[in-house]
N, C-alpha and C. Protein backbone atom coordinates (compact mmCIF):
# COMPACT_ATOMS: atom_id res chain seq x y z
N MET A 1 -35.49 -139.09 96.38
CA MET A 1 -35.75 -138.91 94.97
C MET A 1 -34.55 -139.40 94.19
N GLU A 2 -34.79 -140.17 93.19
CA GLU A 2 -33.75 -140.91 92.48
C GLU A 2 -32.68 -140.05 91.82
N ASP A 3 -33.06 -138.96 91.18
CA ASP A 3 -32.07 -138.16 90.45
C ASP A 3 -31.66 -136.88 91.19
N CYS A 4 -31.96 -136.76 92.45
CA CYS A 4 -31.64 -135.58 93.24
C CYS A 4 -30.19 -135.67 93.75
N ILE A 5 -29.37 -134.70 93.36
CA ILE A 5 -27.96 -134.71 93.77
C ILE A 5 -27.82 -134.65 95.29
N PHE A 6 -28.67 -133.89 95.97
CA PHE A 6 -28.56 -133.81 97.42
C PHE A 6 -28.96 -135.12 98.09
N CYS A 7 -29.95 -135.82 97.55
CA CYS A 7 -30.30 -137.14 98.09
C CYS A 7 -29.12 -138.10 97.93
N LYS A 8 -28.42 -138.01 96.79
CA LYS A 8 -27.25 -138.85 96.57
C LYS A 8 -26.12 -138.50 97.54
N ILE A 9 -25.94 -137.22 97.83
CA ILE A 9 -24.93 -136.80 98.81
C ILE A 9 -25.31 -137.34 100.19
N ILE A 10 -26.57 -137.22 100.56
CA ILE A 10 -27.04 -137.67 101.88
C ILE A 10 -26.80 -139.17 102.04
N GLU A 11 -27.05 -139.95 101.00
CA GLU A 11 -26.86 -141.40 101.11
C GLU A 11 -25.40 -141.83 100.93
N GLY A 12 -24.52 -140.90 100.58
CA GLY A 12 -23.10 -141.21 100.45
C GLY A 12 -22.69 -141.65 99.06
N ALA A 13 -23.60 -141.63 98.10
CA ALA A 13 -23.27 -142.05 96.73
C ALA A 13 -22.43 -141.01 95.99
N VAL A 14 -22.52 -139.76 96.43
CA VAL A 14 -21.72 -138.67 95.88
C VAL A 14 -20.92 -138.09 97.05
N PRO A 15 -19.60 -137.96 96.89
CA PRO A 15 -18.78 -137.45 98.00
C PRO A 15 -19.05 -135.98 98.29
N SER A 16 -18.85 -135.62 99.55
CA SER A 16 -19.00 -134.23 99.97
C SER A 16 -18.10 -133.99 101.18
N LYS A 17 -17.87 -132.73 101.46
CA LYS A 17 -17.08 -132.34 102.64
C LYS A 17 -18.06 -131.98 103.74
N VAL A 18 -18.42 -132.97 104.55
CA VAL A 18 -19.43 -132.81 105.59
C VAL A 18 -18.83 -132.01 106.76
N VAL A 19 -19.59 -131.01 107.23
CA VAL A 19 -19.16 -130.23 108.39
C VAL A 19 -20.08 -130.45 109.59
N TYR A 20 -21.26 -131.03 109.35
CA TYR A 20 -22.22 -131.30 110.43
C TYR A 20 -23.20 -132.34 109.93
N GLU A 21 -23.62 -133.20 110.85
CA GLU A 21 -24.66 -134.18 110.51
C GLU A 21 -25.35 -134.63 111.77
N ASP A 22 -26.66 -134.81 111.68
CA ASP A 22 -27.43 -135.41 112.76
C ASP A 22 -28.50 -136.29 112.11
N GLU A 23 -29.47 -136.74 112.88
CA GLU A 23 -30.47 -137.66 112.35
C GLU A 23 -31.43 -137.01 111.35
N ILE A 24 -31.50 -135.68 111.34
CA ILE A 24 -32.47 -134.97 110.51
C ILE A 24 -31.84 -134.27 109.31
N CYS A 25 -30.60 -133.82 109.45
CA CYS A 25 -30.00 -133.05 108.37
C CYS A 25 -28.51 -133.32 108.22
N LYS A 26 -27.99 -132.83 107.10
CA LYS A 26 -26.57 -132.93 106.81
C LYS A 26 -26.13 -131.58 106.28
N ALA A 27 -24.93 -131.15 106.67
CA ALA A 27 -24.36 -129.88 106.19
C ALA A 27 -23.01 -130.18 105.57
N PHE A 28 -22.81 -129.61 104.37
CA PHE A 28 -21.57 -129.87 103.64
C PHE A 28 -21.19 -128.62 102.86
N ARG A 29 -19.92 -128.54 102.51
CA ARG A 29 -19.41 -127.38 101.79
C ARG A 29 -19.95 -127.36 100.36
N ASP A 30 -20.30 -126.16 99.91
CA ASP A 30 -20.79 -125.96 98.55
C ASP A 30 -19.63 -126.15 97.57
N VAL A 31 -19.87 -126.81 96.45
CA VAL A 31 -18.81 -127.06 95.47
C VAL A 31 -18.49 -125.82 94.64
N ALA A 32 -19.36 -124.82 94.66
CA ALA A 32 -19.13 -123.56 93.95
C ALA A 32 -19.37 -122.40 94.92
N PRO A 33 -18.47 -122.24 95.90
CA PRO A 33 -18.71 -121.27 96.98
C PRO A 33 -18.82 -119.83 96.49
N GLN A 34 -19.75 -119.10 97.11
CA GLN A 34 -19.98 -117.70 96.81
C GLN A 34 -19.40 -116.79 97.90
N ALA A 35 -18.76 -117.38 98.89
CA ALA A 35 -18.12 -116.66 99.99
C ALA A 35 -17.02 -117.58 100.53
N PRO A 36 -16.08 -117.05 101.32
CA PRO A 36 -15.03 -117.90 101.88
C PRO A 36 -15.58 -119.12 102.64
N VAL A 37 -16.69 -118.92 103.34
CA VAL A 37 -17.40 -120.04 103.97
C VAL A 37 -18.76 -120.13 103.29
N HIS A 38 -19.04 -121.27 102.69
CA HIS A 38 -20.33 -121.50 102.02
C HIS A 38 -20.71 -122.96 102.24
N VAL A 39 -21.65 -123.17 103.14
CA VAL A 39 -22.09 -124.51 103.53
C VAL A 39 -23.58 -124.63 103.22
N LEU A 40 -23.97 -125.79 102.75
CA LEU A 40 -25.38 -126.09 102.51
C LEU A 40 -25.90 -126.99 103.63
N VAL A 41 -27.03 -126.63 104.20
CA VAL A 41 -27.68 -127.45 105.23
C VAL A 41 -28.95 -128.00 104.59
N VAL A 42 -29.04 -129.32 104.51
CA VAL A 42 -30.16 -129.97 103.82
C VAL A 42 -30.83 -131.00 104.71
N PRO A 43 -32.16 -131.11 104.65
CA PRO A 43 -32.83 -132.18 105.38
C PRO A 43 -32.53 -133.52 104.71
N LYS A 44 -32.42 -134.56 105.50
CA LYS A 44 -32.18 -135.89 104.94
C LYS A 44 -33.42 -136.41 104.21
N ARG A 45 -34.56 -135.98 104.63
CA ARG A 45 -35.81 -136.34 103.95
C ARG A 45 -35.98 -135.40 102.76
N HIS A 46 -36.29 -135.94 101.60
CA HIS A 46 -36.46 -135.09 100.42
C HIS A 46 -37.69 -134.21 100.58
N VAL A 47 -37.44 -132.91 100.58
CA VAL A 47 -38.48 -131.89 100.58
C VAL A 47 -38.08 -130.94 99.47
N GLU A 48 -39.00 -130.62 98.56
CA GLU A 48 -38.64 -129.86 97.37
C GLU A 48 -38.15 -128.44 97.66
N SER A 49 -38.79 -127.74 98.59
CA SER A 49 -38.43 -126.34 98.83
C SER A 49 -39.02 -125.86 100.15
N LEU A 50 -38.67 -124.64 100.51
CA LEU A 50 -39.26 -124.02 101.70
C LEU A 50 -40.78 -123.96 101.57
N ALA A 51 -41.27 -123.68 100.39
CA ALA A 51 -42.72 -123.60 100.18
C ALA A 51 -43.40 -124.93 100.50
N LYS A 52 -42.73 -126.04 100.20
CA LYS A 52 -43.30 -127.37 100.45
C LYS A 52 -43.14 -127.80 101.91
N ALA A 53 -42.31 -127.07 102.67
CA ALA A 53 -42.08 -127.40 104.08
C ALA A 53 -42.71 -126.40 105.02
N ALA A 54 -43.49 -125.47 104.49
CA ALA A 54 -44.01 -124.36 105.29
C ALA A 54 -44.80 -124.80 106.51
N ASP A 55 -45.42 -125.97 106.46
CA ASP A 55 -46.22 -126.43 107.59
C ASP A 55 -45.42 -127.34 108.54
N ASP A 56 -44.15 -127.54 108.28
CA ASP A 56 -43.32 -128.42 109.12
C ASP A 56 -42.39 -127.58 109.99
N GLU A 57 -42.99 -126.97 111.02
CA GLU A 57 -42.23 -126.08 111.90
C GLU A 57 -41.07 -126.79 112.59
N ALA A 58 -41.25 -128.04 112.94
CA ALA A 58 -40.18 -128.78 113.62
C ALA A 58 -38.97 -128.92 112.70
N LEU A 59 -39.20 -129.27 111.45
CA LEU A 59 -38.09 -129.40 110.50
C LEU A 59 -37.42 -128.06 110.27
N LEU A 60 -38.20 -127.04 110.01
CA LEU A 60 -37.62 -125.72 109.72
C LEU A 60 -36.85 -125.17 110.92
N GLY A 61 -37.38 -125.35 112.11
CA GLY A 61 -36.66 -124.92 113.32
C GLY A 61 -35.36 -125.69 113.49
N HIS A 62 -35.40 -126.97 113.22
CA HIS A 62 -34.20 -127.80 113.33
C HIS A 62 -33.14 -127.35 112.34
N LEU A 63 -33.54 -127.07 111.10
CA LEU A 63 -32.59 -126.62 110.09
C LEU A 63 -31.95 -125.29 110.48
N MET A 64 -32.75 -124.37 111.02
CA MET A 64 -32.19 -123.08 111.44
C MET A 64 -31.21 -123.27 112.60
N ARG A 65 -31.55 -124.14 113.53
CA ARG A 65 -30.63 -124.44 114.64
C ARG A 65 -29.33 -125.04 114.09
N ALA A 66 -29.45 -125.95 113.12
CA ALA A 66 -28.26 -126.55 112.51
C ALA A 66 -27.40 -125.48 111.84
N CYS A 67 -28.04 -124.51 111.18
CA CYS A 67 -27.28 -123.42 110.56
C CYS A 67 -26.47 -122.66 111.61
N ALA A 68 -27.07 -122.37 112.74
CA ALA A 68 -26.38 -121.66 113.81
C ALA A 68 -25.22 -122.49 114.37
N LEU A 69 -25.42 -123.79 114.52
CA LEU A 69 -24.34 -124.67 115.00
C LEU A 69 -23.19 -124.73 114.00
N VAL A 70 -23.52 -124.81 112.72
CA VAL A 70 -22.51 -124.82 111.66
C VAL A 70 -21.71 -123.52 111.70
N ALA A 71 -22.41 -122.40 111.77
CA ALA A 71 -21.74 -121.09 111.80
C ALA A 71 -20.81 -120.99 113.00
N GLU A 72 -21.28 -121.43 114.15
CA GLU A 72 -20.44 -121.38 115.36
C GLU A 72 -19.21 -122.27 115.19
N SER A 73 -19.40 -123.47 114.67
CA SER A 73 -18.28 -124.41 114.53
C SER A 73 -17.25 -123.93 113.51
N LEU A 74 -17.67 -123.09 112.58
CA LEU A 74 -16.76 -122.60 111.55
C LEU A 74 -16.22 -121.20 111.86
N GLY A 75 -16.46 -120.72 113.09
CA GLY A 75 -15.87 -119.47 113.54
C GLY A 75 -16.49 -118.22 112.93
N LEU A 76 -17.79 -118.25 112.68
CA LEU A 76 -18.44 -117.10 112.07
C LEU A 76 -19.11 -116.18 113.10
N ALA A 77 -18.50 -116.04 114.26
CA ALA A 77 -19.07 -115.22 115.33
C ALA A 77 -19.25 -113.76 114.92
N ASP A 78 -18.46 -113.29 113.95
CA ASP A 78 -18.57 -111.90 113.52
C ASP A 78 -19.71 -111.67 112.54
N GLY A 79 -20.41 -112.73 112.16
CA GLY A 79 -21.60 -112.59 111.32
C GLY A 79 -21.63 -113.55 110.15
N TYR A 80 -22.81 -113.83 109.71
CA TYR A 80 -23.03 -114.73 108.58
C TYR A 80 -24.44 -114.50 108.05
N ARG A 81 -24.72 -115.11 106.92
CA ARG A 81 -26.03 -115.00 106.30
C ARG A 81 -26.58 -116.40 106.06
N VAL A 82 -27.89 -116.56 106.25
CA VAL A 82 -28.58 -117.81 105.93
C VAL A 82 -29.62 -117.48 104.86
N VAL A 83 -29.56 -118.21 103.74
CA VAL A 83 -30.43 -117.92 102.59
C VAL A 83 -30.99 -119.23 102.04
N THR A 84 -32.23 -119.17 101.56
CA THR A 84 -32.76 -120.27 100.78
C THR A 84 -33.47 -119.69 99.56
N ASN A 85 -33.35 -120.36 98.45
CA ASN A 85 -34.00 -119.94 97.21
C ASN A 85 -35.20 -120.87 96.98
N VAL A 86 -36.28 -120.29 96.46
CA VAL A 86 -37.50 -121.07 96.26
C VAL A 86 -37.99 -120.89 94.82
N GLY A 87 -38.09 -122.00 94.11
CA GLY A 87 -38.66 -122.00 92.78
C GLY A 87 -37.79 -121.35 91.71
N GLU A 88 -38.30 -121.41 90.50
CA GLU A 88 -37.57 -120.92 89.34
C GLU A 88 -37.24 -119.43 89.46
N ASN A 89 -38.22 -118.60 89.80
CA ASN A 89 -37.98 -117.17 89.90
C ASN A 89 -37.11 -116.81 91.10
N GLY A 90 -37.01 -117.69 92.06
CA GLY A 90 -36.13 -117.49 93.20
C GLY A 90 -34.74 -118.07 92.98
N CYS A 91 -34.51 -118.58 91.77
CA CYS A 91 -33.21 -119.15 91.36
C CYS A 91 -32.84 -120.40 92.15
N GLN A 92 -33.82 -121.23 92.49
CA GLN A 92 -33.53 -122.50 93.15
C GLN A 92 -32.97 -123.46 92.11
N SER A 93 -31.70 -123.84 92.28
CA SER A 93 -31.04 -124.67 91.27
C SER A 93 -31.21 -126.17 91.51
N VAL A 94 -31.41 -126.57 92.75
CA VAL A 94 -31.63 -127.98 93.09
C VAL A 94 -32.97 -128.07 93.81
N ARG A 95 -33.84 -128.93 93.32
CA ARG A 95 -35.19 -129.06 93.89
C ARG A 95 -35.18 -129.96 95.13
N HIS A 96 -34.39 -129.55 96.11
CA HIS A 96 -34.32 -130.18 97.43
C HIS A 96 -34.04 -129.02 98.38
N LEU A 97 -34.89 -128.83 99.36
CA LEU A 97 -34.72 -127.73 100.30
C LEU A 97 -33.28 -127.68 100.80
N HIS A 98 -32.67 -126.52 100.72
CA HIS A 98 -31.32 -126.34 101.26
C HIS A 98 -31.14 -124.90 101.69
N LEU A 99 -30.45 -124.75 102.80
CA LEU A 99 -30.13 -123.43 103.35
C LEU A 99 -28.65 -123.19 103.15
N HIS A 100 -28.32 -122.02 102.64
CA HIS A 100 -26.93 -121.62 102.44
C HIS A 100 -26.47 -120.86 103.68
N VAL A 101 -25.37 -121.27 104.27
CA VAL A 101 -24.72 -120.53 105.35
C VAL A 101 -23.49 -119.89 104.72
N LEU A 102 -23.49 -118.57 104.66
CA LEU A 102 -22.43 -117.80 103.99
C LEU A 102 -21.73 -116.89 104.98
N GLY A 103 -20.42 -116.83 104.92
CA GLY A 103 -19.68 -115.94 105.81
C GLY A 103 -18.20 -115.97 105.52
N GLY A 104 -17.44 -115.48 106.48
CA GLY A 104 -15.99 -115.46 106.33
C GLY A 104 -15.46 -114.15 105.77
N GLN A 105 -16.37 -113.23 105.46
CA GLN A 105 -16.00 -111.89 104.99
C GLN A 105 -17.23 -111.01 105.16
N ARG A 106 -17.04 -109.70 105.03
CA ARG A 106 -18.20 -108.81 105.05
C ARG A 106 -19.00 -109.06 103.78
N LEU A 107 -20.28 -109.37 103.94
CA LEU A 107 -21.13 -109.69 102.81
C LEU A 107 -21.79 -108.41 102.28
N SER A 108 -22.03 -108.37 101.00
CA SER A 108 -22.65 -107.22 100.36
C SER A 108 -24.05 -106.98 100.89
N GLU A 109 -24.41 -105.72 101.04
CA GLU A 109 -25.77 -105.38 101.43
C GLU A 109 -26.71 -105.37 100.24
N LYS A 110 -26.14 -105.36 99.05
CA LYS A 110 -26.92 -105.32 97.82
C LYS A 110 -27.56 -106.68 97.56
N MET A 111 -28.82 -106.65 97.23
CA MET A 111 -29.52 -107.88 96.86
C MET A 111 -29.43 -108.02 95.35
N SER A 112 -29.03 -109.20 94.89
CA SER A 112 -28.94 -109.39 93.44
C SER A 112 -29.95 -110.39 92.97
C-alpha cells in the first residue's frame, strides 16, 4: 500500500532498527516504546488487521512464532506480552497488521 508507513519500512524506504527478518515478516523496534523492549512484528504482505487475516492460519502462526523468536533473542525469558490492536475502537494506529512484543520489566496487569 502506497502510503502505509510499515510497507515503507519493509521495503527499506524508511529506516528502522530491525531485530528479526525472514521471507514472511520483519520485526523492528517501535519508535515510541511503551516498555524497555517494544518491538513490532509485521507481515511483509500488506494485511490491514488481525480481522482481515483471520482465515490465514499459516500467516498468523508464523507471526506468533516470530514473536517468540524475537522475545528469546532479546532476553525476555522472564516474560513478555504480545498484543495487537484492531480497528478504531481497538486503537489501531497503523492500518497494517502488527504485533507488539513488550517486555524488559514487570508489565501492568491493568488493561487500559
